[in-house]
Amino acid sequence: METTKKLSNLKLYGAGHAAGGSYHYVNIKGEGIVGEGLQSERCRIFGTGRFLGDAAVNRFRIVGESEVEGNLSAGAITVFGTMKIGGSLQFREMKLKGLAEISGHAAGDHCEVKGSLTVKGDCETERFIAAGCIDVAGLLNAGEVKINLRYDASRVKEIGGTSIAVKRKTGFFKRKEGTLSAELIEGDTIYLENTNADIVRGKHVEIGPGCKIGKIEYQTSCKRHPQSSVHEHIQI
């Protein structure tokens, strides 16, 4: 009769170092370094956590700072602080309140950002909701894209999706408004504010205030706010 080996827990308090491997539960309070090849059902960081290679965690919670030098595969990720991934990121759900930098690609089901997200490759999710600043060097592809711009310049090379909405922050206080720059924005239903884009292509396109668009290619409808400029628009 075969028996299943019970996984041990890993607890690092203060400053500590541990080998990689399989653990049930990883808890870091203070400063912790974990070797290559971490596999864990749950990992919580209160302070600073560094992982020297690839890591696979079902539930990953960060309150403070975390760095994964390789790729990270995770189920649910919650970040209150900063997260840096040296490779690519695969996730089911990510909620970010703070700052995250992904050196490779990012892919998952649901991504919610309040703060700053940088992806140096492509970013692909079913739902992408952001309030703050985003910088995606490649393609941002999602069924639903909602971006609320805040006080800084966001950049995405290309955006693709079924429903795309980019809006500027509104409020009582007069501050510098955020902007979005893109080479191509393509979707079925598109609404844009404070956006500079070379090409916008979609079925239903509405250009709100503060936009500079080179060319619009639309199938069914196209609207433009008087405070925006569009160099060319054609029905295809």
Protein backbone atom coordinates (compact mmCIF):
# COMPACT_ATOMS: atom_id res chain seq x y z
CA MET A 1 0.00 0.00 0.00
CA GLU A 2 1.44 3.33 -1.07
CA THR A 3 1.37 6.31 1.27
CA THR A 4 1.46 9.95 0.28
CA LYS A 5 4.30 11.87 1.87
CA LYS A 6 3.08 14.88 3.80
CA LEU A 7 4.79 18.09 2.77
CA SER A 8 6.49 20.16 5.42
CA ASN A 9 6.03 23.87 6.07
CA LEU A 10 8.74 26.48 5.65
CA LYS A 11 8.92 29.41 8.05
CA LEU A 12 11.57 32.11 7.83
CA TYR A 13 11.50 34.77 10.54
CA GLY A 14 13.95 37.66 10.70
CA ALA A 15 16.66 36.95 8.11
CA GLY A 16 16.97 33.45 6.71
CA HIS A 17 17.79 31.20 3.76
CA ALA A 18 16.23 27.91 2.74
CA ALA A 19 16.63 25.41 -0.08
CA GLY A 20 14.05 25.19 -2.82
CA GLY A 21 11.78 22.20 -3.20
CA SER A 22 8.21 21.23 -2.37
CA TYR A 23 6.47 22.70 0.66
CA HIS A 24 2.87 22.87 1.76
CA TYR A 25 3.07 26.34 3.28
CA VAL A 26 5.78 29.02 3.05
CA ASN A 27 5.74 31.95 5.45
CA ILE A 28 8.36 34.71 5.37
CA LYS A 29 8.36 37.44 8.00
CA GLY A 30 11.38 39.69 7.62
CA GLU A 31 13.92 38.87 4.90
CA GLY A 32 13.96 35.45 3.30
CA ILE A 33 15.77 33.81 0.39
CA VAL A 34 14.51 30.53 -1.08
CA GLY A 35 16.53 28.43 -3.52
CA GLU A 36 15.58 27.31 -7.00
CA GLY A 37 12.56 25.16 -7.74
CA LEU A 38 10.01 26.20 -5.11
CA GLN A 39 6.65 24.43 -5.24
CA SER A 40 4.08 25.39 -2.64
CA GLU A 41 0.36 25.34 -2.02
CA ARG A 42 0.53 28.70 -0.28
CA CYS A 43 3.20 31.36 0.17
CA ARG A 44 2.90 34.51 2.27
CA ILE A 45 5.47 37.27 2.55
CA PHE A 46 5.46 39.99 5.17
CA GLY A 47 8.65 41.88 4.40
CA THR A 48 11.05 40.83 1.64
CA GLY A 49 11.12 37.52 -0.19
CA ARG A 50 13.54 36.45 -2.92
CA PHE A 51 13.29 33.25 -4.97
CA LEU A 52 16.44 32.25 -6.84
CA GLY A 53 14.86 30.30 -9.72
CA ASP A 54 11.45 29.29 -11.05
CA ALA A 55 8.58 29.07 -8.59
CA ALA A 56 5.12 27.47 -8.63
CA VAL A 57 2.65 28.62 -5.96
CA ASN A 58 -1.09 28.08 -5.84
CA ARG A 59 -1.83 31.04 -3.55
CA PHE A 60 0.75 33.82 -3.38
CA ARG A 61 0.29 36.80 -1.04
CA ILE A 62 2.83 39.61 -0.80
CA VAL A 63 2.81 42.40 1.77
CA GLY A 64 6.08 44.15 1.10
CA GLU A 65 8.56 43.12 -1.61
CA SER A 66 9.07 39.97 -3.64
CA GLU A 67 11.44 38.97 -6.43
CA VAL A 68 11.33 35.77 -8.48
CA GLU A 69 14.47 35.47 -10.58
CA GLY A 70 12.92 32.97 -13.00
CA ASN A 71 9.36 32.19 -14.10
CA LEU A 72 6.39 32.24 -11.74
CA SER A 73 3.35 30.00 -12.12
CA ALA A 74 0.57 30.82 -9.68
CA GLY A 75 -3.13 30.44 -9.06
CA ALA A 76 -4.18 33.52 -7.09
CA ILE A 77 -1.72 36.39 -6.55
CA THR A 78 -2.32 39.30 -4.19
CA VAL A 79 0.27 42.06 -3.97
CA PHE A 80 0.37 44.96 -1.53
CA GLY A 81 3.74 46.44 -2.39
CA THR A 82 6.12 45.41 -5.16
CA MET A 83 6.68 42.26 -7.20
CA LYS A 84 9.44 41.64 -9.73
CA ILE A 85 9.53 38.61 -12.04
CA GLY A 86 12.76 37.90 -13.92
CA GLY A 87 11.03 35.59 -16.42
CA SER A 88 7.39 35.12 -17.43
CA LEU A 89 4.26 35.03 -15.28
CA GLN A 90 1.39 32.54 -15.54
CA PHE A 91 -1.59 33.08 -13.22
CA ARG A 92 -5.30 32.51 -12.76
CA GLU A 93 -6.08 35.72 -10.91
CA MET A 94 -3.88 38.66 -9.93
CA LYS A 95 -4.77 41.65 -7.76
CA LEU A 96 -2.05 44.27 -7.59
CA LYS A 97 -2.00 47.29 -5.32
CA GLY A 98 1.43 48.74 -5.83
CA LEU A 99 4.05 48.01 -8.46
CA ALA A 100 4.89 44.96 -10.55
CA GLU A 101 7.50 44.39 -13.24
CA ILE A 102 7.45 41.32 -15.50
CA SER A 103 10.57 40.79 -17.64
CA GLY A 104 8.87 38.26 -19.94
CA HIS A 105 5.25 37.58 -20.88
CA ALA A 106 2.21 37.58 -18.58
CA ALA A 107 -0.86 35.38 -19.08
CA GLY A 108 -3.89 34.62 -16.93
CA ASP A 109 -7.65 34.83 -16.52
CA HIS A 110 -8.22 38.00 -14.50
CA CYS A 111 -5.85 40.89 -13.84
CA GLU A 112 -6.73 43.87 -11.63
CA VAL A 113 -4.18 46.65 -11.18
CA LYS A 114 -4.21 49.65 -8.88
CA GLY A 115 -0.80 51.21 -9.26
CA SER A 116 1.85 50.46 -11.87
CA LEU A 117 2.33 47.39 -14.08
CA THR A 118 5.22 46.86 -16.50
CA VAL A 119 5.31 43.88 -18.86
CA LYS A 120 8.30 43.68 -21.21
CA GLY A 121 6.61 41.07 -23.40
CA ASP A 122 2.93 40.37 -24.20
CA CYS A 123 0.10 40.41 -21.66
CA GLU A 124 -2.90 38.15 -22.30
CA THR A 125 -5.91 37.80 -19.98
CA GLU A 126 -9.65 37.26 -20.15
CA ARG A 127 -10.27 40.48 -18.16
CA PHE A 128 -7.82 43.33 -17.68
CA ILE A 129 -8.81 46.15 -15.33
CA ALA A 130 -6.31 48.85 -14.41
CA ALA A 131 -6.32 52.13 -12.52
CA GLY A 132 -2.95 53.80 -12.68
CA CYS A 133 -0.06 53.42 -15.09
CA ILE A 134 0.69 50.49 -17.40
CA ASP A 135 3.61 49.81 -19.73
CA VAL A 136 3.31 46.80 -22.04
CA ALA A 137 6.06 46.46 -24.63
CA GLY A 138 4.11 43.98 -26.74
CA LEU A 139 0.44 43.09 -27.19
CA LEU A 140 -2.18 43.58 -24.49
CA ASN A 141 -4.91 41.12 -25.42
CA ALA A 142 -8.07 40.57 -23.36
CA GLY A 143 -11.76 39.96 -23.84
CA GLU A 144 -12.48 43.01 -21.70
CA VAL A 145 -10.05 45.91 -21.24
CA LYS A 146 -10.78 48.75 -18.79
CA ILE A 147 -8.08 51.33 -18.11
CA ASN A 148 -8.50 54.35 -15.85
CA LEU A 149 -5.58 56.69 -16.43
CA ARG A 150 -3.91 58.36 -13.44
CA TYR A 151 -1.40 61.24 -13.49
CA ASP A 152 1.26 59.56 -15.66
CA ALA A 153 2.00 58.30 -19.17
CA SER A 154 0.94 54.74 -20.03
CA ARG A 155 2.29 52.93 -23.07
CA VAL A 156 1.12 49.81 -24.87
CA LYS A 157 2.39 48.78 -28.28
CA GLU A 158 -0.89 47.10 -29.33
CA ILE A 159 -4.25 46.52 -27.63
CA GLY A 160 -6.70 43.87 -28.79
CA GLY A 161 -10.02 42.93 -27.23
CA THR A 162 -13.76 42.53 -27.56
CA SER A 163 -14.58 45.54 -25.37
CA ILE A 164 -11.98 48.29 -24.79
CA ALA A 165 -12.53 51.37 -22.61
CA VAL A 166 -9.85 53.90 -21.71
CA LYS A 167 -10.92 56.77 -19.46
CA ARG A 168 -9.18 59.62 -17.70
CA LYS A 169 -9.49 60.12 -13.97
CA THR A 170 -12.11 62.61 -12.86
CA GLY A 171 -12.18 64.43 -9.54
CA PHE A 172 -12.38 67.75 -7.75
CA PHE A 173 -8.63 68.36 -7.63
CA LYS A 174 -6.80 69.65 -10.68
CA ARG A 175 -3.80 67.42 -11.29
CA LYS A 176 -1.85 66.26 -14.30
CA GLU A 177 -4.01 63.86 -16.28
CA GLY A 178 -2.75 60.49 -17.39
CA THR A 179 -2.37 59.57 -21.05
CA LEU A 180 -2.15 56.38 -23.09
CA SER A 181 0.00 55.90 -26.20
CA ALA A 182 -0.42 52.96 -28.60
CA GLU A 183 0.44 52.03 -32.15
CA LEU A 184 -2.73 49.98 -32.72
CA ILE A 185 -6.00 49.56 -30.81
CA GLU A 186 -8.36 46.95 -32.25
CA GLY A 187 -11.65 45.61 -30.89
CA ASP A 188 -15.38 45.29 -31.38
CA THR A 189 -16.49 48.14 -29.10
CA ILE A 190 -13.96 50.88 -28.35
CA TYR A 191 -14.19 54.01 -26.21
CA LEU A 192 -11.10 56.20 -25.70
CA GLU A 193 -10.12 59.27 -23.70
CA ASN A 194 -6.69 60.94 -23.43
CA THR A 195 -5.30 58.47 -25.95
CA ASN A 196 -2.69 58.93 -28.67
CA ALA A 197 -2.91 56.13 -31.23
CA ASP A 198 -1.68 55.61 -34.77
CA ILE A 199 -4.56 53.31 -35.79
CA VAL A 200 -7.90 52.52 -34.13
CA ARG A 201 -9.88 49.70 -35.72
CA GLY A 202 -13.27 48.36 -34.61
CA LYS A 203 -16.98 47.85 -35.19
CA HIS A 204 -18.19 50.60 -32.88
CA VAL A 205 -15.64 53.34 -32.19
CA GLU A 206 -16.17 56.37 -29.97
CA ILE A 207 -13.40 58.89 -29.43
CA GLY A 208 -13.87 60.88 -26.23
CA PRO A 209 -12.01 64.04 -25.16
CA GLY A 210 -8.24 64.49 -25.20
CA CYS A 211 -7.36 62.07 -28.01
CA LYS A 212 -5.04 62.30 -31.01
CA ILE A 213 -5.75 59.56 -33.53
CA GLY A 214 -3.98 59.04 -36.83
CA LYS A 215 -6.50 56.77 -38.55
CA ILE A 216 -9.83 55.18 -37.62
CA GLU A 217 -11.10 52.13 -39.47
CA TYR A 218 -14.66 51.34 -38.39
CA GLN A 219 -17.36 48.92 -39.55
CA THR A 220 -20.65 50.20 -38.07
CA SER A 221 -20.34 53.49 -36.19
CA CYS A 222 -17.79 56.18 -35.39
CA LYS A 223 -18.13 59.19 -33.06
CA ARG A 224 -15.59 61.88 -32.19
CA HIS A 225 -15.53 64.41 -29.35
CA PRO A 226 -14.84 68.00 -30.49
CA GLN A 227 -11.84 68.16 -28.13
CA SER A 228 -10.12 65.32 -29.99
CA SER A 229 -8.37 65.21 -33.35
CA VAL A 230 -8.61 62.46 -35.95
CA HIS A 231 -6.49 62.74 -39.07
CA GLU A 232 -8.42 60.17 -41.13
CA HIS A 233 -11.42 57.90 -40.68
CA ILE A 234 -12.82 55.36 -43.13
CA GLN A 235 -15.62 52.82 -43.06
CA ILE A 236 -14.48 49.32 -43.97
